[in-house]
């Protein structure tokens, strides 16, 4: 069995990225550290510039995220009813994560204040995050 599947017991996050799974998980690795694992489809598919990722995993000591480029039959729908909540050790970590998840060219949310218990952002891949501080 592949190393990446050894850690799949318990809860995790699975996100359908629809063509940019490698790029998204690589960004998340810069935010949270850890190891990346990718399994590509054996063939090319129309509409994908590279062989799509069947499953990609980011395993760090703080978070476990899995994703795929392959979309279910009903298609990918971005909703506002699901978010990833992540508890930061301190305000400096939350600010760093916010800047990384939003991308270097996006300013911090106008309402961002360090004394807020919880802030909500939507990253460059349209994934909603709730970042709290211990």
N, C-alpha and C. Protein backbone atom coordinates (compact mmCIF):
# COMPACT_ATOMS: atom_id res chain seq x y z
N UNK A 1 0.84 -1.18 0.00
CA UNK A 1 0.00 0.00 0.00
C UNK A 1 0.88 1.24 0.00
N UNK A 2 0.49 2.25 -0.75
CA UNK A 2 1.26 3.49 -0.82
C UNK A 2 1.35 4.15 0.55
N UNK A 3 2.46 4.84 0.79
CA UNK A 3 2.69 5.56 2.04
C UNK A 3 1.55 6.54 2.35
N UNK A 4 1.02 7.22 1.34
CA UNK A 4 0.00 8.24 1.58
C UNK A 4 -1.29 7.67 2.16
N UNK A 5 -1.58 6.42 1.89
CA UNK A 5 -2.84 5.85 2.35
C UNK A 5 -2.74 5.25 3.74
N UNK A 6 -1.56 5.23 4.30
CA UNK A 6 -1.36 4.72 5.64
C UNK A 6 -2.02 5.64 6.67
N UNK A 7 -2.23 6.89 6.35
CA UNK A 7 -2.70 7.89 7.28
C UNK A 7 -4.16 8.27 7.08
N UNK A 8 -4.94 7.47 6.38
CA UNK A 8 -6.29 7.88 6.03
C UNK A 8 -7.34 7.55 7.08
N UNK A 9 -6.98 6.92 8.20
CA UNK A 9 -8.01 6.68 9.21
C UNK A 9 -8.26 7.98 9.97
N UNK A 10 -9.48 8.18 10.40
CA UNK A 10 -9.84 9.41 11.08
C UNK A 10 -10.38 10.43 10.09
N UNK A 11 -10.51 11.66 10.55
CA UNK A 11 -11.09 12.72 9.72
C UNK A 11 -10.05 13.38 8.85
N UNK A 12 -10.48 13.86 7.73
CA UNK A 12 -9.63 14.61 6.83
C UNK A 12 -10.49 15.50 5.96
N UNK A 13 -9.86 16.19 5.05
CA UNK A 13 -10.53 17.11 4.15
C UNK A 13 -10.30 16.60 2.74
N UNK A 14 -11.35 16.56 1.91
CA UNK A 14 -11.21 16.21 0.51
C UNK A 14 -11.82 17.33 -0.32
N UNK A 15 -11.03 17.84 -1.27
CA UNK A 15 -11.47 18.97 -2.10
C UNK A 15 -11.29 18.60 -3.57
N UNK A 16 -12.33 18.83 -4.37
CA UNK A 16 -12.20 18.67 -5.81
C UNK A 16 -11.73 19.99 -6.39
N UNK A 17 -10.57 19.96 -7.04
CA UNK A 17 -9.96 21.18 -7.56
C UNK A 17 -10.18 21.40 -9.05
N UNK A 18 -10.61 20.38 -9.76
CA UNK A 18 -10.97 20.53 -11.16
C UNK A 18 -9.85 21.09 -12.02
N UNK A 19 -8.69 20.45 -11.97
CA UNK A 19 -7.59 20.82 -12.87
C UNK A 19 -6.40 21.49 -12.22
N UNK A 20 -6.50 21.92 -10.98
CA UNK A 20 -5.34 22.58 -10.36
C UNK A 20 -5.01 22.00 -8.98
N UNK A 21 -5.21 20.70 -8.82
CA UNK A 21 -4.96 20.04 -7.55
C UNK A 21 -3.49 20.16 -7.13
N UNK A 22 -2.58 19.90 -8.05
CA UNK A 22 -1.15 19.97 -7.71
C UNK A 22 -0.76 21.38 -7.23
N UNK A 23 -1.23 22.38 -7.94
CA UNK A 23 -0.91 23.76 -7.59
C UNK A 23 -1.50 24.12 -6.22
N UNK A 24 -2.75 23.72 -5.97
CA UNK A 24 -3.40 24.04 -4.70
C UNK A 24 -2.71 23.34 -3.53
N UNK A 25 -2.47 22.05 -3.65
CA UNK A 25 -1.83 21.33 -2.54
C UNK A 25 -0.40 21.81 -2.31
N UNK A 26 0.28 22.23 -3.37
CA UNK A 26 1.62 22.79 -3.21
C UNK A 26 1.56 24.10 -2.44
N UNK A 27 0.56 24.94 -2.73
CA UNK A 27 0.39 26.16 -1.93
C UNK A 27 0.13 25.82 -0.48
N UNK A 28 -0.76 24.87 -0.22
CA UNK A 28 -1.08 24.50 1.15
C UNK A 28 0.15 23.92 1.86
N UNK A 29 1.03 23.26 1.13
CA UNK A 29 2.27 22.77 1.73
C UNK A 29 3.14 23.93 2.20
N UNK A 30 3.18 25.03 1.43
CA UNK A 30 3.96 26.20 1.87
C UNK A 30 3.35 26.81 3.13
N UNK A 31 2.05 26.64 3.32
CA UNK A 31 1.37 27.18 4.50
C UNK A 31 1.56 26.29 5.73
N UNK A 32 1.44 24.99 5.56
CA UNK A 32 1.38 24.07 6.69
C UNK A 32 2.55 23.11 6.79
N UNK A 33 3.46 23.13 5.80
CA UNK A 33 4.54 22.14 5.80
C UNK A 33 4.00 20.77 5.43
N UNK A 34 4.79 19.75 5.66
CA UNK A 34 4.34 18.38 5.42
C UNK A 34 4.82 17.81 4.11
N UNK A 35 4.31 16.63 3.81
CA UNK A 35 4.70 15.89 2.61
C UNK A 35 3.54 15.83 1.63
N UNK A 36 3.89 15.91 0.35
CA UNK A 36 2.90 15.79 -0.73
C UNK A 36 3.04 14.43 -1.41
N UNK A 37 1.90 13.88 -1.79
CA UNK A 37 1.85 12.64 -2.56
C UNK A 37 0.83 12.83 -3.67
N UNK A 38 1.17 12.40 -4.88
CA UNK A 38 0.25 12.53 -6.01
C UNK A 38 0.17 11.22 -6.78
N UNK A 39 -1.03 10.87 -7.20
CA UNK A 39 -1.25 9.74 -8.09
C UNK A 39 -1.97 10.25 -9.32
N UNK A 40 -1.30 10.19 -10.47
CA UNK A 40 -1.88 10.69 -11.72
C UNK A 40 -2.66 9.60 -12.44
N UNK A 41 -3.63 10.02 -13.24
CA UNK A 41 -4.34 9.12 -14.14
C UNK A 41 -3.35 8.60 -15.17
N UNK A 42 -3.54 7.38 -15.63
CA UNK A 42 -2.61 6.77 -16.59
C UNK A 42 -2.67 7.37 -17.97
N UNK A 43 -3.67 8.18 -18.26
CA UNK A 43 -3.84 8.73 -19.61
C UNK A 43 -4.25 10.20 -19.53
N UNK A 44 -4.10 10.87 -20.64
CA UNK A 44 -4.56 12.26 -20.73
C UNK A 44 -6.07 12.28 -20.94
N UNK A 45 -6.67 13.37 -20.52
CA UNK A 45 -8.11 13.56 -20.74
C UNK A 45 -8.33 14.89 -21.44
N UNK A 46 -9.35 14.97 -22.31
CA UNK A 46 -9.65 16.24 -22.95
C UNK A 46 -9.96 17.31 -21.89
N UNK A 47 -9.43 18.50 -22.11
CA UNK A 47 -9.68 19.60 -21.20
C UNK A 47 -8.65 19.74 -20.08
N UNK A 48 -7.72 18.80 -19.99
CA UNK A 48 -6.67 18.86 -18.97
C UNK A 48 -5.33 18.99 -19.68
N UNK A 49 -4.52 20.00 -19.33
CA UNK A 49 -3.24 20.18 -19.99
C UNK A 49 -2.23 19.07 -19.66
N UNK A 50 -2.39 18.44 -18.50
CA UNK A 50 -1.52 17.34 -18.08
C UNK A 50 -2.40 16.17 -17.68
N UNK A 51 -1.77 15.03 -17.40
CA UNK A 51 -2.54 13.90 -16.88
C UNK A 51 -3.14 14.32 -15.54
N UNK A 52 -4.45 14.20 -15.36
CA UNK A 52 -5.09 14.66 -14.13
C UNK A 52 -4.64 13.85 -12.91
N UNK A 53 -4.71 14.51 -11.78
CA UNK A 53 -4.40 13.85 -10.52
C UNK A 53 -5.66 13.15 -10.03
N UNK A 54 -5.55 11.84 -9.83
CA UNK A 54 -6.66 11.05 -9.31
C UNK A 54 -6.82 11.36 -7.83
N UNK A 55 -5.72 11.35 -7.11
CA UNK A 55 -5.75 11.73 -5.71
C UNK A 55 -4.40 12.32 -5.32
N UNK A 56 -4.47 13.44 -4.65
CA UNK A 56 -3.28 14.08 -4.10
C UNK A 56 -3.48 14.24 -2.61
N UNK A 57 -2.40 14.17 -1.86
CA UNK A 57 -2.50 14.27 -0.41
C UNK A 57 -1.42 15.18 0.14
N UNK A 58 -1.80 15.97 1.12
CA UNK A 58 -0.85 16.74 1.92
C UNK A 58 -1.00 16.24 3.35
N UNK A 59 0.08 15.73 3.88
CA UNK A 59 0.09 15.22 5.24
C UNK A 59 1.09 16.04 6.04
N UNK A 60 0.59 16.78 7.01
CA UNK A 60 1.48 17.52 7.91
C UNK A 60 1.08 17.18 9.33
N UNK A 61 1.85 17.66 10.28
CA UNK A 61 1.50 17.39 11.67
C UNK A 61 0.30 18.20 12.14
N UNK A 62 -0.17 19.16 11.32
CA UNK A 62 -1.29 20.02 11.71
C UNK A 62 -2.56 19.80 10.89
N UNK A 63 -2.44 19.22 9.69
CA UNK A 63 -3.62 19.11 8.82
C UNK A 63 -3.41 17.99 7.81
N UNK A 64 -4.51 17.37 7.38
CA UNK A 64 -4.46 16.34 6.35
C UNK A 64 -5.49 16.72 5.29
N UNK A 65 -5.01 17.02 4.08
CA UNK A 65 -5.89 17.43 2.98
C UNK A 65 -5.67 16.47 1.81
N UNK A 66 -6.75 15.99 1.25
CA UNK A 66 -6.69 15.21 0.02
C UNK A 66 -7.53 15.91 -1.03
N UNK A 67 -7.18 15.70 -2.28
CA UNK A 67 -7.93 16.32 -3.36
C UNK A 67 -7.74 15.59 -4.66
N UNK A 68 -8.44 16.06 -5.68
CA UNK A 68 -8.40 15.44 -7.00
C UNK A 68 -8.71 16.48 -8.06
N UNK A 69 -8.22 16.21 -9.27
CA UNK A 69 -8.61 17.03 -10.43
C UNK A 69 -9.91 16.53 -11.04
N UNK A 70 -10.29 15.31 -10.72
CA UNK A 70 -11.45 14.70 -11.36
C UNK A 70 -12.73 15.12 -10.65
N UNK A 71 -13.68 15.56 -11.44
CA UNK A 71 -14.94 16.09 -10.94
C UNK A 71 -16.02 15.03 -11.06
N UNK A 72 -16.92 14.97 -10.07
CA UNK A 72 -18.04 14.03 -10.12
C UNK A 72 -18.93 14.35 -11.32
N UNK A 73 -19.80 13.42 -11.65
CA UNK A 73 -20.67 13.56 -12.81
C UNK A 73 -21.50 14.83 -12.80
N UNK A 74 -21.93 15.30 -11.62
CA UNK A 74 -22.77 16.50 -11.57
C UNK A 74 -21.97 17.79 -11.71
N UNK A 75 -20.65 17.71 -11.77
CA UNK A 75 -19.81 18.89 -11.95
C UNK A 75 -19.40 19.52 -10.63
N UNK A 76 -18.45 20.42 -10.70
CA UNK A 76 -17.96 21.10 -9.50
C UNK A 76 -18.82 22.32 -9.23
N UNK A 77 -19.25 22.44 -7.99
CA UNK A 77 -20.05 23.58 -7.59
C UNK A 77 -19.39 24.20 -6.37
N UNK A 78 -19.16 25.48 -6.44
CA UNK A 78 -18.57 26.19 -5.31
C UNK A 78 -19.70 26.67 -4.42
N UNK A 79 -19.64 26.27 -3.15
CA UNK A 79 -20.71 26.65 -2.23
C UNK A 79 -20.16 27.45 -1.07
N UNK A 80 -21.06 28.02 -0.32
CA UNK A 80 -20.62 28.80 0.84
C UNK A 80 -21.03 28.14 2.14
N UNK A 81 -21.39 26.88 2.10
CA UNK A 81 -21.85 26.19 3.29
C UNK A 81 -20.80 25.27 3.91
N UNK A 82 -19.65 25.17 3.32
CA UNK A 82 -18.58 24.33 3.85
C UNK A 82 -17.32 25.17 3.93
N UNK A 83 -16.60 25.04 5.05
CA UNK A 83 -15.34 25.75 5.23
C UNK A 83 -14.38 24.86 6.01
N UNK A 84 -13.11 25.11 5.84
CA UNK A 84 -12.07 24.43 6.62
C UNK A 84 -11.74 25.33 7.79
N UNK A 85 -11.87 24.80 9.00
CA UNK A 85 -11.51 25.59 10.17
C UNK A 85 -10.13 25.14 10.63
N UNK A 86 -9.29 26.13 10.93
CA UNK A 86 -7.92 25.84 11.35
C UNK A 86 -7.58 26.74 12.52
N UNK A 87 -7.08 26.15 13.60
CA UNK A 87 -6.71 26.91 14.78
C UNK A 87 -5.21 27.20 14.73
N UNK A 88 -4.89 28.47 14.74
CA UNK A 88 -3.50 28.92 14.70
C UNK A 88 -2.96 29.05 16.13
N UNK A 89 -1.66 28.90 16.27
CA UNK A 89 -1.03 28.99 17.59
C UNK A 89 -1.05 30.41 18.12
N UNK A 90 -0.96 31.40 17.22
CA UNK A 90 -0.91 32.81 17.64
C UNK A 90 -1.27 33.69 16.44
N UNK A 91 -1.43 34.98 16.70
CA UNK A 91 -1.84 35.93 15.66
C UNK A 91 -0.86 36.02 14.50
N UNK A 92 0.44 35.92 14.80
CA UNK A 92 1.44 36.01 13.73
C UNK A 92 1.29 34.85 12.75
N UNK A 93 0.99 33.65 13.25
CA UNK A 93 0.78 32.50 12.37
C UNK A 93 -0.47 32.71 11.52
N UNK A 94 -1.53 33.22 12.14
CA UNK A 94 -2.77 33.46 11.39
C UNK A 94 -2.56 34.50 10.30
N UNK A 95 -1.83 35.56 10.59
CA UNK A 95 -1.56 36.57 9.58
C UNK A 95 -0.74 36.00 8.42
N UNK A 96 0.28 35.19 8.75
CA UNK A 96 1.10 34.56 7.71
C UNK A 96 0.24 33.65 6.84
N UNK A 97 -0.59 32.80 7.46
CA UNK A 97 -1.46 31.90 6.69
C UNK A 97 -2.44 32.67 5.82
N UNK A 98 -3.01 33.72 6.37
CA UNK A 98 -3.95 34.55 5.61
C UNK A 98 -3.28 35.11 4.36
N UNK A 99 -2.10 35.65 4.52
CA UNK A 99 -1.37 36.22 3.38
C UNK A 99 -1.04 35.15 2.36
N UNK A 100 -0.61 33.96 2.81
CA UNK A 100 -0.25 32.90 1.88
C UNK A 100 -1.48 32.36 1.15
N UNK A 101 -2.57 32.14 1.87
CA UNK A 101 -3.77 31.58 1.25
C UNK A 101 -4.42 32.55 0.27
N UNK A 102 -4.34 33.85 0.57
CA UNK A 102 -4.92 34.84 -0.33
C UNK A 102 -4.02 35.12 -1.53
N UNK A 103 -2.75 34.82 -1.46
CA UNK A 103 -1.81 35.11 -2.53
C UNK A 103 -1.13 36.44 -2.27
N UNK A 104 0.04 36.58 -2.86
CA UNK A 104 0.88 37.74 -2.56
C UNK A 104 0.28 39.06 -3.03
N UNK A 105 -0.61 39.04 -3.98
CA UNK A 105 -1.11 40.29 -4.55
C UNK A 105 -2.46 40.72 -3.98
N UNK A 106 -3.02 39.95 -3.07
CA UNK A 106 -4.34 40.26 -2.53
C UNK A 106 -4.18 40.88 -1.15
N UNK A 107 -4.78 42.03 -0.89
CA UNK A 107 -4.66 42.63 0.44
C UNK A 107 -5.45 41.85 1.47
N UNK A 108 -5.09 42.01 2.73
CA UNK A 108 -5.84 41.38 3.82
C UNK A 108 -7.27 41.90 3.81
N UNK A 109 -8.22 41.09 4.29
CA UNK A 109 -9.60 41.57 4.35
C UNK A 109 -9.69 42.88 5.14
N UNK A 110 -10.55 43.76 4.71
CA UNK A 110 -10.70 45.06 5.37
C UNK A 110 -11.03 44.89 6.84
N UNK A 111 -11.84 43.90 7.16
CA UNK A 111 -12.30 43.71 8.54
C UNK A 111 -11.28 42.95 9.40
N UNK A 112 -10.12 42.64 8.84
CA UNK A 112 -9.14 41.85 9.59
C UNK A 112 -8.57 42.66 10.76
N UNK A 113 -8.76 42.15 11.95
CA UNK A 113 -8.18 42.74 13.14
C UNK A 113 -7.59 41.61 13.97
N UNK A 114 -6.41 41.83 14.52
CA UNK A 114 -5.72 40.75 15.22
C UNK A 114 -6.47 40.26 16.45
N UNK A 115 -7.31 41.08 17.06
CA UNK A 115 -8.01 40.65 18.26
C UNK A 115 -9.28 39.84 17.96
N UNK A 116 -9.63 39.67 16.69
CA UNK A 116 -10.78 38.85 16.34
C UNK A 116 -10.48 37.39 16.66
N UNK A 117 -11.46 36.70 17.20
CA UNK A 117 -11.30 35.29 17.52
C UNK A 117 -11.26 34.45 16.26
N UNK A 118 -12.08 34.81 15.29
CA UNK A 118 -12.24 34.01 14.08
C UNK A 118 -12.33 34.94 12.87
N UNK A 119 -11.56 34.64 11.84
CA UNK A 119 -11.71 35.38 10.58
C UNK A 119 -12.02 34.38 9.47
N UNK A 120 -12.70 34.85 8.45
CA UNK A 120 -13.10 34.02 7.32
C UNK A 120 -12.48 34.60 6.06
N UNK A 121 -11.83 33.73 5.27
CA UNK A 121 -11.27 34.14 3.99
C UNK A 121 -11.62 33.09 2.94
N UNK A 122 -11.55 33.46 1.69
CA UNK A 122 -11.68 32.53 0.56
C UNK A 122 -10.37 32.60 -0.20
N UNK A 123 -9.69 31.46 -0.31
CA UNK A 123 -8.35 31.46 -0.91
C UNK A 123 -8.40 31.55 -2.44
N UNK A 124 -7.23 31.51 -3.05
CA UNK A 124 -7.12 31.69 -4.50
C UNK A 124 -7.74 30.53 -5.28
N UNK A 125 -8.10 29.42 -4.60
CA UNK A 125 -8.74 28.27 -5.25
C UNK A 125 -10.22 28.18 -4.90
N UNK A 126 -10.78 29.28 -4.36
CA UNK A 126 -12.19 29.37 -3.97
C UNK A 126 -12.55 28.41 -2.83
N UNK A 127 -11.58 28.12 -1.97
CA UNK A 127 -11.82 27.31 -0.77
C UNK A 127 -11.97 28.27 0.41
N UNK A 128 -13.03 28.08 1.18
CA UNK A 128 -13.33 28.93 2.32
C UNK A 128 -12.61 28.41 3.57
N UNK A 129 -11.94 29.32 4.29
CA UNK A 129 -11.19 29.00 5.50
C UNK A 129 -11.69 29.85 6.66
N UNK A 130 -11.80 29.24 7.83
CA UNK A 130 -12.06 29.95 9.08
C UNK A 130 -10.80 29.79 9.93
N UNK A 131 -10.13 30.88 10.20
CA UNK A 131 -8.87 30.85 10.94
C UNK A 131 -9.09 31.44 12.33
N UNK A 132 -8.85 30.62 13.34
CA UNK A 132 -8.99 31.09 14.71
C UNK A 132 -7.62 31.11 15.38
N UNK A 133 -7.59 31.67 16.56
CA UNK A 133 -6.37 31.73 17.36
C UNK A 133 -6.68 31.12 18.71
N UNK A 134 -5.75 30.31 19.22
CA UNK A 134 -5.94 29.68 20.54
C UNK A 134 -6.19 30.70 21.61
